[in-house]
PDB file of all heavy atoms in Angstrom:
ATOM      1  N   SER A   1       0.823  -1.206   0.000  1.00  0.00           N
ATOM      2  CA  SER A   1       0.000   0.000   0.000  1.00  0.00           C
ATOM      3  C   SER A   1       0.853   1.250   0.000  1.00  0.00           C
ATOM      4  O   SER A   1       1.981   1.259   0.506  1.00  0.00           O
ATOM      5  CB  SER A   1      -0.907   0.038   1.238  1.00  0.00           C
ATOM      6  OG  SER A   1      -1.810  -1.049   1.260  1.00  0.00           O
ATOM      7  N   LEU A   2       0.304   2.305  -0.567  1.00  0.00           N
ATOM      8  CA  LEU A   2       0.883   3.634  -0.521  1.00  0.00           C
ATOM      9  C   LEU A   2      -0.244   4.640  -0.379  1.00  0.00           C
ATOM     10  O   LEU A   2      -1.365   4.388  -0.827  1.00  0.00           O
ATOM     11  CB  LEU A   2       1.673   3.958  -1.789  1.00  0.00           C
ATOM     12  CG  LEU A   2       3.027   3.298  -2.016  1.00  0.00           C
ATOM     13  CD1 LEU A   2       3.533   3.632  -3.417  1.00  0.00           C
ATOM     14  CD2 LEU A   2       4.034   3.747  -0.972  1.00  0.00           C
ATOM     15  N   ARG A   3       0.062   5.783   0.213  1.00  0.00           N
ATOM     16  CA  ARG A   3      -0.879   6.896   0.235  1.00  0.00           C
ATOM     17  C   ARG A   3      -0.224   8.112  -0.390  1.00  0.00           C
ATOM     18  O   ARG A   3       0.787   8.606   0.106  1.00  0.00           O
ATOM     19  CB  ARG A   3      -1.349   7.233   1.648  1.00  0.00           C
ATOM     20  CG  ARG A   3      -2.502   8.257   1.631  1.00  0.00           C
ATOM     21  CD  ARG A   3      -3.072   8.550   2.995  1.00  0.00           C
ATOM     22  NE  ARG A   3      -2.229   9.447   3.770  1.00  0.00           N
ATOM     23  CZ  ARG A   3      -2.668  10.253   4.728  1.00  0.00           C
ATOM     24  NH1 ARG A   3      -3.965  10.262   5.041  1.00  0.00           N
ATOM     25  NH2 ARG A   3      -1.820  11.017   5.388  1.00  0.00           N
ATOM     26  N   LEU A   4      -0.808   8.575  -1.478  1.00  0.00           N
ATOM     27  CA  LEU A   4      -0.341   9.775  -2.136  1.00  0.00           C
ATOM     28  C   LEU A   4      -1.068  10.989  -1.574  1.00  0.00           C
ATOM     29  O   LEU A   4      -2.220  10.902  -1.162  1.00  0.00           O
ATOM     30  CB  LEU A   4      -0.585   9.707  -3.643  1.00  0.00           C
ATOM     31  CG  LEU A   4      -0.037   8.489  -4.385  1.00  0.00           C
ATOM     32  CD1 LEU A   4      -0.301   8.629  -5.879  1.00  0.00           C
ATOM     33  CD2 LEU A   4       1.449   8.296  -4.104  1.00  0.00           C
ATOM     34  N   ALA A   5      -0.390  12.125  -1.575  1.00  0.00           N
ATOM     35  CA  ALA A   5      -0.992  13.381  -1.150  1.00  0.00           C
ATOM     36  C   ALA A   5      -0.690  14.453  -2.174  1.00  0.00           C
ATOM     37  O   ALA A   5       0.365  14.445  -2.812  1.00  0.00           O
ATOM     38  CB  ALA A   5      -0.465  13.794   0.221  1.00  0.00           C
ATOM     39  N   CYS A   6      -1.617  15.366  -2.342  1.00  0.00           N
ATOM     40  CA  CYS A   6      -1.448  16.507  -3.232  1.00  0.00           C
ATOM     41  C   CYS A   6      -1.899  17.746  -2.486  1.00  0.00           C
ATOM     42  O   CYS A   6      -3.084  17.879  -2.158  1.00  0.00           O
ATOM     43  CB  CYS A   6      -2.269  16.317  -4.509  1.00  0.00           C
ATOM     44  SG  CYS A   6      -2.353  17.766  -5.579  1.00  0.00           S
ATOM     45  N   GLN A   7      -0.959  18.637  -2.209  1.00  0.00           N
ATOM     46  CA  GLN A   7      -1.279  19.871  -1.516  1.00  0.00           C
ATOM     47  C   GLN A   7      -1.369  21.015  -2.517  1.00  0.00           C
ATOM     48  O   GLN A   7      -0.461  21.206  -3.332  1.00  0.00           O
ATOM     49  CB  GLN A   7      -0.248  20.190  -0.441  1.00  0.00           C
ATOM     50  CG  GLN A   7      -0.643  21.383   0.417  1.00  0.00           C
ATOM     51  CD  GLN A   7       0.137  21.464   1.705  1.00  0.00           C
ATOM     52  OE1 GLN A   7       1.310  21.092   1.743  1.00  0.00           O
ATOM     53  NE2 GLN A   7      -0.497  21.938   2.757  1.00  0.00           N
ATOM     54  N   ALA A   8      -2.457  21.760  -2.447  1.00  0.00           N
ATOM     55  CA  ALA A   8      -2.728  22.831  -3.397  1.00  0.00           C
ATOM     56  C   ALA A   8      -2.553  24.198  -2.751  1.00  0.00           C
ATOM     57  O   ALA A   8      -2.781  24.380  -1.556  1.00  0.00           O
ATOM     58  CB  ALA A   8      -4.144  22.716  -3.949  1.00  0.00           C
ATOM     59  N   SER A   9      -2.170  25.162  -3.570  1.00  0.00           N
ATOM     60  CA  SER A   9      -2.099  26.547  -3.144  1.00  0.00           C
ATOM     61  C   SER A   9      -2.460  27.437  -4.323  1.00  0.00           C
ATOM     62  O   SER A   9      -2.356  27.034  -5.479  1.00  0.00           O
ATOM     63  CB  SER A   9      -0.708  26.899  -2.610  1.00  0.00           C
ATOM     64  OG  SER A   9       0.283  26.720  -3.607  1.00  0.00           O
ATOM     65  N   GLY A  10      -2.907  28.656  -4.023  1.00  0.00           N
ATOM     66  CA  GLY A  10      -3.217  29.608  -5.067  1.00  0.00           C
ATOM     67  C   GLY A  10      -4.578  29.463  -5.711  1.00  0.00           C
ATOM     68  O   GLY A  10      -4.829  30.086  -6.748  1.00  0.00           O
ATOM     69  N   LEU A  11      -5.449  28.655  -5.131  1.00  0.00           N
ATOM     70  CA  LEU A  11      -6.802  28.507  -5.647  1.00  0.00           C
ATOM     71  C   LEU A  11      -7.772  28.282  -4.501  1.00  0.00           C
ATOM     72  O   LEU A  11      -7.366  27.932  -3.391  1.00  0.00           O
ATOM     73  CB  LEU A  11      -6.900  27.381  -6.677  1.00  0.00           C
ATOM     74  CG  LEU A  11      -6.984  25.930  -6.185  1.00  0.00           C
ATOM     75  CD1 LEU A  11      -7.416  25.023  -7.327  1.00  0.00           C
ATOM     76  CD2 LEU A  11      -5.665  25.466  -5.600  1.00  0.00           C
ATOM     77  N   ALA A  12      -9.053  28.481  -4.790  1.00  0.00           N
ATOM     78  CA  ALA A  12     -10.097  28.236  -3.797  1.00  0.00           C
ATOM     79  C   ALA A  12     -10.352  26.743  -3.736  1.00  0.00           C
ATOM     80  O   ALA A  12     -11.288  26.218  -4.344  1.00  0.00           O
ATOM     81  CB  ALA A  12     -11.358  29.008  -4.156  1.00  0.00           C
ATOM     82  N   PHE A  13      -9.505  26.052  -2.992  1.00  0.00           N
ATOM     83  CA  PHE A  13      -9.493  24.594  -3.001  1.00  0.00           C
ATOM     84  C   PHE A  13     -10.853  23.996  -2.670  1.00  0.00           C
ATOM     85  O   PHE A  13     -11.273  23.015  -3.296  1.00  0.00           O
ATOM     86  CB  PHE A  13      -8.439  24.090  -2.015  1.00  0.00           C
ATOM     87  CG  PHE A  13      -8.297  22.600  -1.981  1.00  0.00           C
ATOM     88  CD1 PHE A  13      -7.542  21.944  -2.933  1.00  0.00           C
ATOM     89  CD2 PHE A  13      -8.923  21.851  -0.992  1.00  0.00           C
ATOM     90  CE1 PHE A  13      -7.404  20.568  -2.913  1.00  0.00           C
ATOM     91  CE2 PHE A  13      -8.794  20.476  -0.959  1.00  0.00           C
ATOM     92  CZ  PHE A  13      -8.038  19.836  -1.920  1.00  0.00           C
ATOM     93  N   SER A  14     -11.548  24.566  -1.702  1.00  0.00           N
ATOM     94  CA  SER A  14     -12.818  24.001  -1.262  1.00  0.00           C
ATOM     95  C   SER A  14     -13.921  24.116  -2.307  1.00  0.00           C
ATOM     96  O   SER A  14     -14.974  23.494  -2.144  1.00  0.00           O
ATOM     97  CB  SER A  14     -13.274  24.666   0.037  1.00  0.00           C
ATOM     98  OG  SER A  14     -13.534  26.046  -0.167  1.00  0.00           O
ATOM     99  N   LEU A  15     -13.697  24.869  -3.374  1.00  0.00           N
ATOM    100  CA  LEU A  15     -14.709  25.083  -4.401  1.00  0.00           C
ATOM    101  C   LEU A  15     -14.486  24.250  -5.657  1.00  0.00           C
ATOM    102  O   LEU A  15     -15.316  24.299  -6.570  1.00  0.00           O
ATOM    103  CB  LEU A  15     -14.764  26.565  -4.795  1.00  0.00           C
ATOM    104  CG  LEU A  15     -15.082  27.563  -3.678  1.00  0.00           C
ATOM    105  CD1 LEU A  15     -15.107  28.975  -4.242  1.00  0.00           C
ATOM    106  CD2 LEU A  15     -16.399  27.228  -3.005  1.00  0.00           C
ATOM    107  N   VAL A  16     -13.399  23.509  -5.731  1.00  0.00           N
ATOM    108  CA  VAL A  16     -13.054  22.829  -6.971  1.00  0.00           C
ATOM    109  C   VAL A  16     -12.974  21.325  -6.783  1.00  0.00           C
ATOM    110  O   VAL A  16     -12.557  20.824  -5.745  1.00  0.00           O
ATOM    111  CB  VAL A  16     -11.731  23.354  -7.562  1.00  0.00           C
ATOM    112  CG1 VAL A  16     -11.823  24.848  -7.848  1.00  0.00           C
ATOM    113  CG2 VAL A  16     -10.562  23.083  -6.627  1.00  0.00           C
ATOM    114  N   ALA A  17     -13.378  20.620  -7.834  1.00  0.00           N
ATOM    115  CA  ALA A  17     -13.182  19.184  -7.874  1.00  0.00           C
ATOM    116  C   ALA A  17     -11.700  18.868  -8.057  1.00  0.00           C
ATOM    117  O   ALA A  17     -10.954  19.646  -8.650  1.00  0.00           O
ATOM    118  CB  ALA A  17     -13.989  18.574  -9.020  1.00  0.00           C
ATOM    119  N   MET A  18     -11.290  17.719  -7.551  1.00  0.00           N
ATOM    120  CA  MET A  18      -9.910  17.282  -7.672  1.00  0.00           C
ATOM    121  C   MET A  18      -9.880  15.860  -8.216  1.00  0.00           C
ATOM    122  O   MET A  18     -10.846  15.101  -8.071  1.00  0.00           O
ATOM    123  CB  MET A  18      -9.199  17.323  -6.318  1.00  0.00           C
ATOM    124  CG  MET A  18      -9.145  18.704  -5.678  1.00  0.00           C
ATOM    125  SD  MET A  18      -8.103  19.877  -6.590  1.00  0.00           S
ATOM    126  CE  MET A  18      -6.484  19.120  -6.384  1.00  0.00           C
ATOM    127  N   SER A  19      -8.770  15.495  -8.817  1.00  0.00           N
ATOM    128  CA  SER A  19      -8.666  14.167  -9.397  1.00  0.00           C
ATOM    129  C   SER A  19      -7.225  13.693  -9.409  1.00  0.00           C
ATOM    130  O   SER A  19      -6.278  14.477  -9.273  1.00  0.00           O
ATOM    131  CB  SER A  19      -9.243  14.140 -10.816  1.00  0.00           C
ATOM    132  OG  SER A  19      -8.610  15.086 -11.650  1.00  0.00           O
ATOM    133  N   TRP A  20      -7.083  12.385  -9.559  1.00  0.00           N
ATOM    134  CA  TRP A  20      -5.784  11.742  -9.750  1.00  0.00           C
ATOM    135  C   TRP A  20      -5.775  11.051 -11.104  1.00  0.00           C
ATOM    136  O   TRP A  20      -6.728  10.339 -11.451  1.00  0.00           O
ATOM    137  CB  TRP A  20      -5.503  10.709  -8.659  1.00  0.00           C
ATOM    138  CG  TRP A  20      -5.182  11.295  -7.322  1.00  0.00           C
ATOM    139  CD1 TRP A  20      -6.037  11.509  -6.293  1.00  0.00           C
ATOM    140  CD2 TRP A  20      -3.893  11.723  -6.869  1.00  0.00           C
ATOM    141  NE1 TRP A  20      -5.377  12.042  -5.224  1.00  0.00           N
ATOM    142  CE2 TRP A  20      -4.055  12.187  -5.546  1.00  0.00           C
ATOM    143  CE3 TRP A  20      -2.624  11.761  -7.437  1.00  0.00           C
ATOM    144  CZ2 TRP A  20      -2.989  12.689  -4.790  1.00  0.00           C
ATOM    145  CZ3 TRP A  20      -1.569  12.263  -6.692  1.00  0.00           C
ATOM    146  CH2 TRP A  20      -1.758  12.717  -5.389  1.00  0.00           C
ATOM    147  N   TYR A  21      -4.711  11.265 -11.856  1.00  0.00           N
ATOM    148  CA  TYR A  21      -4.465  10.592 -13.117  1.00  0.00           C
ATOM    149  C   TYR A  21      -3.155   9.827 -13.019  1.00  0.00           C
ATOM    150  O   TYR A  21      -2.328  10.093 -12.141  1.00  0.00           O
ATOM    151  CB  TYR A  21      -4.381  11.590 -14.270  1.00  0.00           C
ATOM    152  CG  TYR A  21      -5.708  12.147 -14.734  1.00  0.00           C
ATOM    153  CD1 TYR A  21      -6.409  13.057 -13.958  1.00  0.00           C
ATOM    154  CD2 TYR A  21      -6.246  11.773 -15.959  1.00  0.00           C
ATOM    155  CE1 TYR A  21      -7.621  13.577 -14.385  1.00  0.00           C
ATOM    156  CE2 TYR A  21      -7.452  12.288 -16.398  1.00  0.00           C
ATOM    157  CZ  TYR A  21      -8.132  13.188 -15.609  1.00  0.00           C
ATOM    158  OH  TYR A  21      -9.328  13.699 -16.044  1.00  0.00           O
ATOM    159  N   ARG A  22      -2.960   8.896 -13.932  1.00  0.00           N
ATOM    160  CA  ARG A  22      -1.676   8.214 -14.014  1.00  0.00           C
ATOM    161  C   ARG A  22      -1.310   7.965 -15.469  1.00  0.00           C
ATOM    162  O   ARG A  22      -2.174   7.888 -16.342  1.00  0.00           O
ATOM    163  CB  ARG A  22      -1.689   6.899 -13.235  1.00  0.00           C
ATOM    164  CG  ARG A  22      -2.587   5.816 -13.813  1.00  0.00           C
ATOM    165  CD  ARG A  22      -2.619   4.607 -12.882  1.00  0.00           C
ATOM    166  NE  ARG A  22      -3.438   3.532 -13.414  1.00  0.00           N
ATOM    167  CZ  ARG A  22      -3.752   2.432 -12.749  1.00  0.00           C
ATOM    168  NH1 ARG A  22      -3.296   2.251 -11.504  1.00  0.00           N
ATOM    169  NH2 ARG A  22      -4.509   1.488 -13.313  1.00  0.00           N
ATOM    170  N   GLN A  23      -0.013   7.849 -15.704  1.00  0.00           N
ATOM    171  CA  GLN A  23       0.483   7.584 -17.041  1.00  0.00           C
ATOM    172  C   GLN A  23       1.677   6.649 -16.957  1.00  0.00           C
ATOM    173  O   GLN A  23       2.674   6.963 -16.311  1.00  0.00           O
ATOM    174  CB  GLN A  23       0.876   8.871 -17.759  1.00  0.00           C
ATOM    175  CG  GLN A  23       1.253   8.666 -19.212  1.00  0.00           C
ATOM    176  CD  GLN A  23       1.409   9.977 -19.958  1.00  0.00           C
ATOM    177  OE1 GLN A  23       1.748  11.003 -19.366  1.00  0.00           O
ATOM    178  NE2 GLN A  23       1.162   9.941 -21.253  1.00  0.00           N
ATOM    179  N   ALA A  24       1.556   5.508 -17.604  1.00  0.00           N
ATOM    180  CA  ALA A  24       2.645   4.556 -17.717  1.00  0.00           C
ATOM    181  C   ALA A  24       3.368   4.781 -19.040  1.00  0.00           C
ATOM    182  O   ALA A  24       2.775   5.296 -19.996  1.00  0.00           O
ATOM    183  CB  ALA A  24       2.117   3.129 -17.634  1.00  0.00           C
ATOM    184  N   PRO A  25       4.645   4.388 -19.135  1.00  0.00           N
ATOM    185  CA  PRO A  25       5.381   4.577 -20.383  1.00  0.00           C
ATOM    186  C   PRO A  25       4.668   3.950 -21.572  1.00  0.00           C
ATOM    187  O   PRO A  25       4.235   2.794 -21.515  1.00  0.00           O
ATOM    188  CB  PRO A  25       6.714   3.883 -20.111  1.00  0.00           C
ATOM    189  CG  PRO A  25       6.877   3.980 -18.632  1.00  0.00           C
ATOM    190  CD  PRO A  25       5.489   3.819 -18.072  1.00  0.00           C
ATOM    191  N   GLY A  26       4.523   4.712 -22.655  1.00  0.00           N
ATOM    192  CA  GLY A  26       3.888   4.216 -23.857  1.00  0.00           C
ATOM    193  C   GLY A  26       2.378   4.184 -23.824  1.00  0.00           C
ATOM    194  O   GLY A  26       1.757   3.738 -24.799  1.00  0.00           O
ATOM    195  N   LYS A  27       1.766   4.640 -22.741  1.00  0.00           N
ATOM    196  CA  LYS A  27       0.320   4.625 -22.620  1.00  0.00           C
ATOM    197  C   LYS A  27      -0.228   6.040 -22.453  1.00  0.00           C
ATOM    198  O   LYS A  27       0.490   6.958 -22.077  1.00  0.00           O
ATOM    199  CB  LYS A  27      -0.117   3.763 -21.435  1.00  0.00           C
ATOM    200  CG  LYS A  27       0.235   2.292 -21.570  1.00  0.00           C
ATOM    201  CD  LYS A  27      -0.315   1.493 -20.403  1.00  0.00           C
ATOM    202  CE  LYS A  27      -0.007   0.017 -20.548  1.00  0.00           C
ATOM    203  NZ  LYS A  27      -0.540  -0.766 -19.400  1.00  0.00           N
TER     204      LYS A  27
END
């Protein structure tokens, strides 16, 4: 298991949707 975190600044964080994407080599 792992837990990733993403900390945001410079935007109204509580008003925006957030998402996680991933990209593997060649995909």
